[in-house]
Amino acid sequence: PPARRSRSDDRHLDYPGAGHLLRPPVTPTTLPSTANLVSGGEAAANAAAQAQSWIAIRSFFDTHLA
C-alpha cells in the first residue's frame, strides 16, 4: 500500500490491466471512455476488477455502516 495509508485496516486493491475508473459491475466495460472521461484499461480486466472491487466495497459497507 502507498505510504500515505496509515490505518492498519486500510486496503489497497490493485487490478492489473484495469483502467483508472471502476464502476458498478453492471456497467458495460467495452468502452474505455465516456464523453467526459477516459478510463483506459482492457475490457476483460475492467470487468473482473469491477466485479471483484464491488465485493470489497460491499464488505466495507457491511462492516462500517451496519
Protein backbone atom coordinates (compact mmCIF):
# COMPACT_ATOMS: atom_id res chain seq x y z
CA PRO A 1 0.00 0.00 0.00
CA PRO A 2 1.11 3.58 -0.57
CA ALA A 3 2.93 5.24 2.34
CA ARG A 4 0.11 7.77 2.84
CA ARG A 5 -2.13 5.00 4.11
CA SER A 6 -1.63 4.85 7.83
CA ARG A 7 -4.54 2.85 9.24
CA SER A 8 -3.94 -0.82 9.90
CA ASP A 9 -7.25 -1.77 8.26
CA ASP A 10 -6.69 0.23 5.03
CA ARG A 11 -6.58 -1.84 1.87
CA HIS A 12 -5.07 -1.04 -1.50
CA LEU A 13 -6.64 -3.10 -4.27
CA ASP A 14 -4.63 -3.48 -7.47
CA TYR A 15 -6.14 -4.84 -10.67
CA PRO A 16 -3.53 -5.29 -13.43
CA GLY A 17 -4.83 -4.33 -16.85
CA ALA A 18 -7.81 -2.40 -15.47
CA GLY A 19 -8.35 1.28 -16.10
CA HIS A 20 -8.50 4.16 -13.65
CA LEU A 21 -12.26 4.22 -13.11
CA LEU A 22 -14.15 1.26 -11.77
CA ARG A 23 -17.91 1.43 -12.00
CA PRO A 24 -20.56 -0.88 -10.51
CA PRO A 25 -20.38 -4.36 -12.07
CA VAL A 26 -23.50 -3.90 -14.23
CA THR A 27 -21.80 -1.14 -16.27
CA PRO A 28 -20.50 -2.18 -19.72
CA THR A 29 -16.71 -2.42 -19.90
CA THR A 30 -16.24 -2.45 -23.66
CA LEU A 31 -15.97 1.35 -23.92
CA PRO A 32 -12.92 2.75 -22.09
CA SER A 33 -14.31 6.29 -22.13
CA THR A 34 -17.39 8.48 -21.95
CA ALA A 35 -17.92 11.97 -23.35
CA ASN A 36 -16.12 13.45 -20.32
CA LEU A 37 -13.83 10.72 -19.02
CA VAL A 38 -11.20 8.32 -20.33
CA SER A 39 -10.76 5.30 -18.08
CA GLY A 40 -8.49 3.11 -20.16
CA GLY A 41 -7.73 -0.50 -19.41
CA GLU A 42 -8.74 -3.69 -21.14
CA ALA A 43 -12.41 -4.68 -21.24
CA ALA A 44 -11.88 -8.11 -19.63
CA ALA A 45 -9.62 -6.67 -16.90
CA ASN A 46 -12.10 -3.86 -16.22
CA ALA A 47 -14.97 -6.35 -15.93
CA ALA A 48 -13.02 -8.54 -13.49
CA ALA A 49 -11.90 -5.54 -11.44
CA GLN A 50 -15.44 -4.15 -11.30
CA ALA A 51 -16.80 -7.47 -10.03
CA GLN A 52 -14.00 -8.02 -7.50
CA SER A 53 -13.92 -4.44 -6.23
CA TRP A 54 -17.71 -4.41 -5.82
CA ILE A 55 -17.36 -7.34 -3.41
CA ALA A 56 -14.76 -5.36 -1.43
CA ILE A 57 -16.96 -2.24 -1.43
CA ARG A 58 -19.98 -4.20 -0.20
CA SER A 59 -17.85 -5.77 2.52
CA PHE A 60 -16.66 -2.31 3.59
CA PHE A 61 -20.25 -1.06 3.76
CA ASP A 62 -21.37 -4.12 5.74
CA THR A 63 -18.56 -3.61 8.23
CA HIS A 64 -18.71 0.16 8.66
CA LEU A 65 -22.35 1.04 8.03
CA ALA A 66 -24.06 -1.84 9.81
